[in-house]
Amino acid sequence: APPVGAPAFFHGGLPPPPPPPRRGGVAMLPRLALALLALGSAAGQSPEEKKLARLSRLASRESIIQLSDKNFTKYALQAPRPYAVAVVFNAMAPDYGCEACRIFRHTFKAVADMYRGQYDLNTTDQKLVFFEIDVDRGRQMFGAMQLQSAPHVYVLPES
C-alpha cells in the first residue's frame, strides 16, 4: 500500500517523478545574457546601420526586395542611405498583361543575382540594393512619380 498522503501515481514503492524544471534561477542566466547582448548591440547602432542590417537580412534571402507605398520612402529615398538603389516600377499582375515588365524583370533579377553573388552588403564599399515596386502595391508612388507606363527603372546614388 502506498504511504499515507502519497500522490495517486505512487505505486509499488517507486519514487514520484522529479519535479518539472524551474523557469528561473541559474538555468535562465545564459538566455538572459544573450538577450541583453543582442539588445546592447542593436541599441548601439545608428538608424542607417539598422536600416542597412535589415536590408542585408532581406537581400540574403532574395536578390530583389519587394517594396510598397508603406516602405518605399524609408528604404529607397530617405536619407541617410549608405547604399545606392536600383528600383524597377512594374505592373506584373496578370490583369495588366505587361510583357515588357515580365521580360525586363528577368534581366533585372539576373543582374541582382550576380551582384548578390559577388558582394555582401555588410562588407563591401559597393553597396547597391535592388528593389521592385508593383503598381498594385505602390499606387501612391506611381502617382507621385507621374508614371503612366511600366517598367521604369531608377538608379539613385547613396545619400
N, C-alpha and C. Protein backbone atom coordinates (compact mmCIF):
# COMPACT_ATOMS: atom_id res chain seq x y z
N ALA A 1 0.84 -1.18 0.00
CA ALA A 1 0.00 0.00 0.00
C ALA A 1 0.88 1.24 0.00
N PRO A 2 0.44 2.25 -0.75
CA PRO A 2 1.23 3.50 -0.77
C PRO A 2 1.21 4.16 0.58
N PRO A 3 2.27 4.91 0.87
CA PRO A 3 2.31 5.62 2.15
C PRO A 3 1.15 6.59 2.26
N VAL A 4 0.78 6.89 3.48
CA VAL A 4 -0.31 7.83 3.74
C VAL A 4 0.09 9.19 3.19
N GLY A 5 -0.82 9.82 2.42
CA GLY A 5 -0.58 11.15 1.86
C GLY A 5 0.19 11.14 0.55
N ALA A 6 0.54 9.93 0.01
CA ALA A 6 1.28 9.87 -1.26
C ALA A 6 0.35 10.18 -2.41
N PRO A 7 0.89 10.79 -3.48
CA PRO A 7 0.06 11.10 -4.64
C PRO A 7 -0.48 9.82 -5.27
N ALA A 8 -1.50 9.93 -6.09
CA ALA A 8 -2.17 8.79 -6.70
C ALA A 8 -1.26 8.00 -7.62
N PHE A 9 -0.25 8.64 -8.25
CA PHE A 9 0.62 7.92 -9.18
C PHE A 9 1.68 7.08 -8.48
N PHE A 10 1.77 7.17 -7.15
CA PHE A 10 2.79 6.44 -6.40
C PHE A 10 2.32 5.00 -6.24
N HIS A 11 3.00 4.07 -6.94
CA HIS A 11 2.61 2.66 -6.87
C HIS A 11 3.84 1.80 -6.67
N GLY A 12 3.66 0.76 -5.89
CA GLY A 12 4.68 -0.25 -5.75
C GLY A 12 6.01 0.22 -5.20
N GLY A 13 6.02 1.28 -4.41
CA GLY A 13 7.24 1.74 -3.79
C GLY A 13 8.14 2.56 -4.71
N LEU A 14 7.69 2.85 -5.97
CA LEU A 14 8.50 3.68 -6.87
C LEU A 14 8.46 5.13 -6.40
N PRO A 15 9.57 5.81 -6.51
CA PRO A 15 9.55 7.22 -6.09
C PRO A 15 8.75 8.06 -7.09
N PRO A 16 8.23 9.18 -6.66
CA PRO A 16 7.49 10.06 -7.58
C PRO A 16 8.45 10.62 -8.64
N PRO A 17 7.93 11.03 -9.78
CA PRO A 17 8.79 11.60 -10.82
C PRO A 17 9.42 12.90 -10.30
N PRO A 18 10.56 13.28 -10.90
CA PRO A 18 11.20 14.52 -10.45
C PRO A 18 10.31 15.71 -10.76
N PRO A 19 10.46 16.78 -10.00
CA PRO A 19 9.65 17.97 -10.27
C PRO A 19 10.03 18.58 -11.62
N PRO A 20 9.11 19.30 -12.26
CA PRO A 20 9.45 19.93 -13.54
C PRO A 20 10.56 20.96 -13.36
N PRO A 21 11.36 21.20 -14.42
CA PRO A 21 12.45 22.17 -14.28
C PRO A 21 11.92 23.55 -13.94
N ARG A 22 12.69 24.26 -13.16
CA ARG A 22 12.28 25.62 -12.76
C ARG A 22 12.47 26.57 -13.93
N ARG A 23 11.69 27.61 -13.95
CA ARG A 23 11.73 28.59 -15.02
C ARG A 23 12.58 29.80 -14.66
N GLY A 24 13.43 29.71 -13.76
CA GLY A 24 14.25 30.86 -13.37
C GLY A 24 15.58 30.38 -12.86
N GLY A 25 16.21 31.19 -12.08
CA GLY A 25 17.45 30.80 -11.45
C GLY A 25 18.60 30.71 -12.42
N VAL A 26 19.53 29.83 -12.12
CA VAL A 26 20.77 29.71 -12.87
C VAL A 26 20.53 29.27 -14.31
N ALA A 27 19.54 28.41 -14.54
CA ALA A 27 19.29 27.91 -15.89
C ALA A 27 18.92 29.02 -16.87
N MET A 28 18.36 30.10 -16.40
CA MET A 28 17.95 31.19 -17.28
C MET A 28 19.08 32.18 -17.55
N LEU A 29 20.17 32.12 -16.83
CA LEU A 29 21.25 33.11 -16.99
C LEU A 29 21.83 33.15 -18.40
N PRO A 30 22.14 32.01 -19.04
CA PRO A 30 22.69 32.10 -20.39
C PRO A 30 21.73 32.77 -21.38
N ARG A 31 20.45 32.46 -21.30
CA ARG A 31 19.47 33.09 -22.19
C ARG A 31 19.36 34.58 -21.92
N LEU A 32 19.35 34.95 -20.66
CA LEU A 32 19.27 36.35 -20.29
C LEU A 32 20.50 37.11 -20.78
N ALA A 33 21.67 36.52 -20.65
CA ALA A 33 22.90 37.16 -21.11
C ALA A 33 22.87 37.37 -22.62
N LEU A 34 22.40 36.37 -23.38
CA LEU A 34 22.32 36.51 -24.83
C LEU A 34 21.33 37.59 -25.23
N ALA A 35 20.19 37.64 -24.55
CA ALA A 35 19.19 38.66 -24.85
C ALA A 35 19.73 40.05 -24.59
N LEU A 36 20.42 40.23 -23.47
CA LEU A 36 20.98 41.53 -23.15
C LEU A 36 22.08 41.92 -24.13
N LEU A 37 22.87 40.96 -24.56
CA LEU A 37 23.92 41.22 -25.54
C LEU A 37 23.31 41.67 -26.86
N ALA A 38 22.26 40.99 -27.30
CA ALA A 38 21.59 41.36 -28.55
C ALA A 38 20.98 42.75 -28.45
N LEU A 39 20.35 43.05 -27.34
CA LEU A 39 19.76 44.37 -27.15
C LEU A 39 20.83 45.45 -27.13
N GLY A 40 21.92 45.16 -26.47
CA GLY A 40 23.00 46.14 -26.38
C GLY A 40 23.61 46.44 -27.73
N SER A 41 23.81 45.41 -28.57
CA SER A 41 24.42 45.65 -29.87
C SER A 41 23.44 46.38 -30.79
N ALA A 42 22.15 46.08 -30.71
CA ALA A 42 21.17 46.78 -31.54
C ALA A 42 21.01 48.21 -31.08
N ALA A 43 21.08 48.44 -29.79
CA ALA A 43 20.90 49.79 -29.27
C ALA A 43 22.05 50.69 -29.67
N GLY A 44 23.25 50.12 -29.91
CA GLY A 44 24.40 50.91 -30.27
C GLY A 44 24.46 51.24 -31.75
N GLN A 45 23.52 50.78 -32.55
CA GLN A 45 23.54 51.03 -33.98
C GLN A 45 22.85 52.34 -34.31
N SER A 46 23.39 53.03 -35.31
CA SER A 46 22.74 54.24 -35.81
C SER A 46 21.53 53.83 -36.64
N PRO A 47 20.61 54.75 -36.92
CA PRO A 47 19.45 54.42 -37.75
C PRO A 47 19.85 53.88 -39.12
N GLU A 48 20.89 54.44 -39.72
CA GLU A 48 21.30 53.95 -41.04
C GLU A 48 21.91 52.56 -40.95
N GLU A 49 22.61 52.25 -39.84
CA GLU A 49 23.15 50.91 -39.65
C GLU A 49 22.03 49.90 -39.46
N LYS A 50 21.00 50.29 -38.72
CA LYS A 50 19.85 49.40 -38.52
C LYS A 50 19.14 49.14 -39.85
N LYS A 51 18.97 50.21 -40.65
CA LYS A 51 18.33 50.08 -41.95
C LYS A 51 19.15 49.15 -42.85
N LEU A 52 20.45 49.34 -42.87
CA LEU A 52 21.32 48.51 -43.70
C LEU A 52 21.32 47.06 -43.22
N ALA A 53 21.30 46.85 -41.90
CA ALA A 53 21.27 45.49 -41.36
C ALA A 53 19.97 44.79 -41.77
N ARG A 54 18.86 45.49 -41.70
CA ARG A 54 17.57 44.92 -42.10
C ARG A 54 17.58 44.55 -43.58
N LEU A 55 18.08 45.48 -44.41
CA LEU A 55 18.13 45.21 -45.84
C LEU A 55 19.08 44.07 -46.17
N SER A 56 20.18 44.00 -45.43
CA SER A 56 21.13 42.92 -45.64
C SER A 56 20.49 41.57 -45.37
N ARG A 57 19.69 41.49 -44.29
CA ARG A 57 18.98 40.23 -43.99
C ARG A 57 17.99 39.89 -45.11
N LEU A 58 17.25 40.90 -45.58
CA LEU A 58 16.29 40.66 -46.66
C LEU A 58 16.99 40.26 -47.96
N ALA A 59 18.09 40.95 -48.28
CA ALA A 59 18.82 40.67 -49.52
C ALA A 59 19.51 39.31 -49.47
N SER A 60 19.78 38.80 -48.28
CA SER A 60 20.40 37.47 -48.20
C SER A 60 19.41 36.37 -48.59
N ARG A 61 18.12 36.68 -48.50
CA ARG A 61 17.09 35.71 -48.87
C ARG A 61 16.63 35.86 -50.31
N GLU A 62 16.57 37.09 -50.80
CA GLU A 62 16.06 37.36 -52.15
C GLU A 62 16.84 38.53 -52.73
N SER A 63 17.29 38.42 -53.96
CA SER A 63 18.14 39.46 -54.54
C SER A 63 17.38 40.75 -54.85
N ILE A 64 16.07 40.67 -55.05
CA ILE A 64 15.25 41.86 -55.27
C ILE A 64 14.27 41.97 -54.11
N ILE A 65 14.32 43.09 -53.41
CA ILE A 65 13.45 43.31 -52.26
C ILE A 65 12.18 44.00 -52.73
N GLN A 66 11.04 43.42 -52.36
CA GLN A 66 9.74 43.96 -52.74
C GLN A 66 9.38 45.14 -51.83
N LEU A 67 8.96 46.23 -52.43
CA LEU A 67 8.53 47.40 -51.67
C LEU A 67 7.06 47.69 -51.95
N SER A 68 6.51 48.57 -51.11
CA SER A 68 5.13 49.02 -51.27
C SER A 68 5.10 50.51 -50.94
N ASP A 69 3.92 51.11 -51.06
CA ASP A 69 3.78 52.51 -50.67
C ASP A 69 4.22 52.72 -49.22
N LYS A 70 3.97 51.71 -48.39
CA LYS A 70 4.25 51.82 -46.96
C LYS A 70 5.73 51.98 -46.64
N ASN A 71 6.62 51.29 -47.38
CA ASN A 71 8.03 51.32 -47.01
C ASN A 71 8.97 51.87 -48.09
N PHE A 72 8.43 52.32 -49.22
CA PHE A 72 9.27 52.80 -50.31
C PHE A 72 10.13 53.99 -49.89
N THR A 73 9.53 54.98 -49.31
CA THR A 73 10.28 56.18 -48.92
C THR A 73 11.37 55.84 -47.92
N LYS A 74 11.05 55.02 -46.93
CA LYS A 74 12.03 54.67 -45.90
C LYS A 74 13.28 54.03 -46.48
N TYR A 75 13.10 53.06 -47.38
CA TYR A 75 14.25 52.30 -47.87
C TYR A 75 14.86 52.84 -49.16
N ALA A 76 14.06 53.45 -50.03
CA ALA A 76 14.59 53.87 -51.33
C ALA A 76 14.94 55.35 -51.40
N LEU A 77 14.30 56.19 -50.61
CA LEU A 77 14.51 57.63 -50.77
C LEU A 77 15.12 58.32 -49.55
N GLN A 78 14.70 57.94 -48.38
CA GLN A 78 15.03 58.67 -47.16
C GLN A 78 16.53 58.63 -46.83
N ALA A 79 17.09 59.81 -46.60
CA ALA A 79 18.50 59.92 -46.18
C ALA A 79 18.54 59.90 -44.65
N PRO A 80 19.60 59.46 -44.04
CA PRO A 80 20.80 58.94 -44.70
C PRO A 80 20.55 57.54 -45.23
N ARG A 81 21.17 57.29 -46.37
CA ARG A 81 21.05 55.99 -47.03
C ARG A 81 22.45 55.60 -47.52
N PRO A 82 23.16 54.75 -46.77
CA PRO A 82 24.55 54.42 -47.11
C PRO A 82 24.67 53.36 -48.21
N TYR A 83 23.76 53.37 -49.16
CA TYR A 83 23.77 52.42 -50.26
C TYR A 83 23.07 53.06 -51.45
N ALA A 84 23.47 52.63 -52.65
CA ALA A 84 22.79 53.05 -53.86
C ALA A 84 21.56 52.17 -54.05
N VAL A 85 20.63 52.66 -54.84
CA VAL A 85 19.36 51.97 -55.07
C VAL A 85 19.15 51.76 -56.57
N ALA A 86 18.76 50.57 -56.93
CA ALA A 86 18.24 50.28 -58.27
C ALA A 86 16.81 49.81 -58.06
N VAL A 87 15.87 50.57 -58.57
CA VAL A 87 14.46 50.21 -58.34
C VAL A 87 13.73 50.16 -59.66
N VAL A 88 12.92 49.12 -59.82
CA VAL A 88 12.09 48.99 -61.01
C VAL A 88 10.63 49.12 -60.58
N PHE A 89 9.92 49.99 -61.29
CA PHE A 89 8.48 50.14 -61.13
C PHE A 89 7.86 49.28 -62.22
N ASN A 90 7.00 48.34 -61.84
CA ASN A 90 6.44 47.47 -62.85
C ASN A 90 4.96 47.19 -62.62
N ALA A 91 4.40 46.42 -63.53
CA ALA A 91 2.99 46.01 -63.47
C ALA A 91 2.94 44.52 -63.82
N MET A 92 3.30 43.69 -62.86
CA MET A 92 3.46 42.26 -63.10
C MET A 92 2.16 41.46 -62.99
N ALA A 93 1.13 42.01 -62.40
CA ALA A 93 -0.12 41.27 -62.23
C ALA A 93 -0.69 40.87 -63.60
N PRO A 94 -1.29 39.69 -63.69
CA PRO A 94 -1.85 39.24 -64.97
C PRO A 94 -2.88 40.20 -65.55
N ASP A 95 -3.55 40.97 -64.70
CA ASP A 95 -4.56 41.92 -65.17
C ASP A 95 -3.96 42.93 -66.14
N TYR A 96 -2.69 43.26 -65.98
CA TYR A 96 -2.06 44.29 -66.80
C TYR A 96 -1.46 43.73 -68.08
N GLY A 97 -1.08 42.46 -68.07
CA GLY A 97 -0.51 41.85 -69.27
C GLY A 97 0.73 42.57 -69.76
N CYS A 98 1.57 43.03 -68.86
CA CYS A 98 2.75 43.80 -69.23
C CYS A 98 3.90 42.85 -69.60
N GLU A 99 3.98 42.53 -70.87
CA GLU A 99 5.03 41.63 -71.35
C GLU A 99 6.40 42.26 -71.18
N ALA A 100 6.51 43.57 -71.41
CA ALA A 100 7.80 44.26 -71.23
C ALA A 100 8.25 44.16 -69.77
N CYS A 101 7.31 44.23 -68.82
CA CYS A 101 7.64 44.10 -67.40
C CYS A 101 8.19 42.71 -67.11
N ARG A 102 7.55 41.69 -67.66
CA ARG A 102 7.97 40.32 -67.43
C ARG A 102 9.37 40.09 -67.99
N ILE A 103 9.61 40.55 -69.21
CA ILE A 103 10.92 40.38 -69.84
C ILE A 103 11.99 41.15 -69.08
N PHE A 104 11.69 42.40 -68.73
CA PHE A 104 12.69 43.21 -68.04
C PHE A 104 12.98 42.65 -66.65
N ARG A 105 11.96 42.14 -65.96
CA ARG A 105 12.17 41.61 -64.61
C ARG A 105 13.17 40.46 -64.65
N HIS A 106 13.10 39.64 -65.68
CA HIS A 106 14.04 38.53 -65.82
C HIS A 106 15.49 39.06 -65.87
N THR A 107 15.72 40.10 -66.66
CA THR A 107 17.05 40.69 -66.78
C THR A 107 17.46 41.37 -65.47
N PHE A 108 16.55 42.12 -64.89
CA PHE A 108 16.83 42.83 -63.62
C PHE A 108 17.19 41.83 -62.53
N LYS A 109 16.47 40.71 -62.47
CA LYS A 109 16.76 39.69 -61.47
C LYS A 109 18.11 39.04 -61.72
N ALA A 110 18.45 38.82 -62.96
CA ALA A 110 19.76 38.23 -63.27
C ALA A 110 20.89 39.14 -62.79
N VAL A 111 20.75 40.44 -63.02
CA VAL A 111 21.77 41.39 -62.56
C VAL A 111 21.82 41.42 -61.03
N ALA A 112 20.66 41.44 -60.39
CA ALA A 112 20.60 41.44 -58.92
C ALA A 112 21.21 40.16 -58.34
N ASP A 113 20.95 39.03 -58.97
CA ASP A 113 21.52 37.76 -58.52
C ASP A 113 23.05 37.78 -58.65
N MET A 114 23.55 38.30 -59.77
CA MET A 114 25.00 38.38 -59.96
C MET A 114 25.64 39.27 -58.90
N TYR A 115 25.01 40.41 -58.63
CA TYR A 115 25.53 41.33 -57.62
C TYR A 115 25.57 40.64 -56.26
N ARG A 116 24.47 40.00 -55.90
CA ARG A 116 24.38 39.31 -54.61
C ARG A 116 25.43 38.21 -54.49
N GLY A 117 25.73 37.56 -55.60
CA GLY A 117 26.74 36.52 -55.59
C GLY A 117 28.16 37.05 -55.41
N GLN A 118 28.39 38.31 -55.77
CA GLN A 118 29.72 38.90 -55.68
C GLN A 118 29.95 39.75 -54.45
N TYR A 119 28.92 40.40 -53.96
CA TYR A 119 29.08 41.38 -52.89
C TYR A 119 28.21 41.06 -51.69
N ASP A 120 28.72 41.40 -50.52
CA ASP A 120 27.98 41.31 -49.27
C ASP A 120 27.73 42.73 -48.79
N LEU A 121 26.48 43.08 -48.59
CA LEU A 121 26.16 44.46 -48.19
C LEU A 121 26.86 44.89 -46.90
N ASN A 122 27.18 43.94 -46.05
CA ASN A 122 27.81 44.28 -44.77
C ASN A 122 29.29 44.62 -44.92
N THR A 123 29.94 44.12 -45.96
CA THR A 123 31.39 44.28 -46.04
C THR A 123 31.88 45.08 -47.24
N THR A 124 31.08 45.23 -48.27
CA THR A 124 31.56 45.90 -49.47
C THR A 124 31.41 47.41 -49.39
N ASP A 125 32.28 48.09 -50.12
CA ASP A 125 32.12 49.54 -50.28
C ASP A 125 31.15 49.84 -51.41
N GLN A 126 30.85 48.85 -52.23
CA GLN A 126 29.97 48.98 -53.39
C GLN A 126 28.55 48.56 -53.01
N LYS A 127 27.93 49.29 -52.12
CA LYS A 127 26.61 48.90 -51.62
C LYS A 127 25.53 49.33 -52.62
N LEU A 128 24.83 48.34 -53.15
CA LEU A 128 23.73 48.57 -54.08
C LEU A 128 22.61 47.62 -53.70
N VAL A 129 21.41 48.16 -53.52
CA VAL A 129 20.26 47.34 -53.15
C VAL A 129 19.25 47.41 -54.29
N PHE A 130 18.75 46.24 -54.66
CA PHE A 130 17.78 46.13 -55.74
C PHE A 130 16.38 46.03 -55.17
N PHE A 131 15.51 46.93 -55.64
CA PHE A 131 14.13 46.97 -55.18
C PHE A 131 13.19 46.83 -56.37
N GLU A 132 11.97 46.40 -56.04
CA GLU A 132 10.90 46.32 -57.03
C GLU A 132 9.63 46.80 -56.36
N ILE A 133 8.86 47.62 -57.08
CA ILE A 133 7.56 48.05 -56.57
C ILE A 133 6.54 47.86 -57.71
N ASP A 134 5.53 47.10 -57.40
CA ASP A 134 4.49 46.80 -58.38
C ASP A 134 3.37 47.83 -58.25
N VAL A 135 2.72 48.13 -59.35
CA VAL A 135 1.66 49.14 -59.34
C VAL A 135 0.56 48.80 -58.33
N ASP A 136 0.25 47.53 -58.15
CA ASP A 136 -0.81 47.15 -57.20
C ASP A 136 -0.43 47.45 -55.75
N ARG A 137 0.85 47.41 -55.43
CA ARG A 137 1.30 47.66 -54.06
C ARG A 137 1.87 49.07 -53.90
N GLY A 138 1.96 49.81 -55.01
CA GLY A 138 2.59 51.12 -54.95
C GLY A 138 1.88 52.20 -55.75
N ARG A 139 0.56 52.18 -55.68
CA ARG A 139 -0.21 53.18 -56.46
C ARG A 139 0.17 54.61 -56.12
N GLN A 140 0.36 54.90 -54.85
CA GLN A 140 0.72 56.28 -54.46
C GLN A 140 2.07 56.67 -55.03
N MET A 141 3.05 55.76 -55.00
CA MET A 141 4.37 56.08 -55.53
C MET A 141 4.34 56.22 -57.04
N PHE A 142 3.55 55.39 -57.72
CA PHE A 142 3.40 55.53 -59.17
C PHE A 142 2.82 56.92 -59.48
N GLY A 143 1.82 57.34 -58.69
CA GLY A 143 1.22 58.66 -58.89
C GLY A 143 2.19 59.79 -58.59
N ALA A 144 2.93 59.66 -57.49
CA ALA A 144 3.89 60.70 -57.11
C ALA A 144 4.99 60.84 -58.16
N MET A 145 5.36 59.73 -58.79
CA MET A 145 6.41 59.75 -59.83
C MET A 145 5.82 60.07 -61.21
N GLN A 146 4.49 60.23 -61.28
CA GLN A 146 3.77 60.53 -62.52
C GLN A 146 4.05 59.49 -63.60
N LEU A 147 4.05 58.23 -63.20
CA LEU A 147 4.30 57.14 -64.14
C LEU A 147 2.99 56.71 -64.80
N GLN A 148 3.00 56.67 -66.11
CA GLN A 148 1.82 56.26 -66.88
C GLN A 148 2.00 54.89 -67.52
N SER A 149 3.22 54.36 -67.45
CA SER A 149 3.51 53.07 -68.05
C SER A 149 4.57 52.36 -67.22
N ALA A 150 4.85 51.14 -67.60
CA ALA A 150 5.86 50.36 -66.89
C ALA A 150 6.54 49.45 -67.92
N PRO A 151 7.73 48.98 -67.69
CA PRO A 151 8.56 49.21 -66.50
C PRO A 151 9.34 50.52 -66.57
N HIS A 152 9.68 51.03 -65.42
CA HIS A 152 10.56 52.19 -65.27
C HIS A 152 11.63 51.81 -64.28
N VAL A 153 12.87 52.17 -64.59
CA VAL A 153 13.99 51.86 -63.72
C VAL A 153 14.66 53.15 -63.29
N TYR A 154 14.97 53.24 -62.00
CA TYR A 154 15.69 54.39 -61.47
C TYR A 154 16.88 53.86 -60.69
N VAL A 155 18.01 54.53 -60.85
CA VAL A 155 19.20 54.21 -60.06
C VAL A 155 19.55 55.48 -59.30
N LEU A 156 19.58 55.38 -57.97
CA LEU A 156 19.83 56.52 -57.12
C LEU A 156 21.14 56.30 -56.35
N PRO A 157 22.02 57.31 -56.35
CA PRO A 157 23.27 57.14 -55.59
C PRO A 157 22.99 57.16 -54.09
N GLU A 158 23.95 56.70 -53.32
CA GLU A 158 23.75 56.74 -51.86
C GLU A 158 23.61 58.19 -51.42
N SER A 159 22.92 58.38 -50.31
CA SER A 159 22.70 59.76 -49.83
C SER A 159 22.87 59.83 -48.33
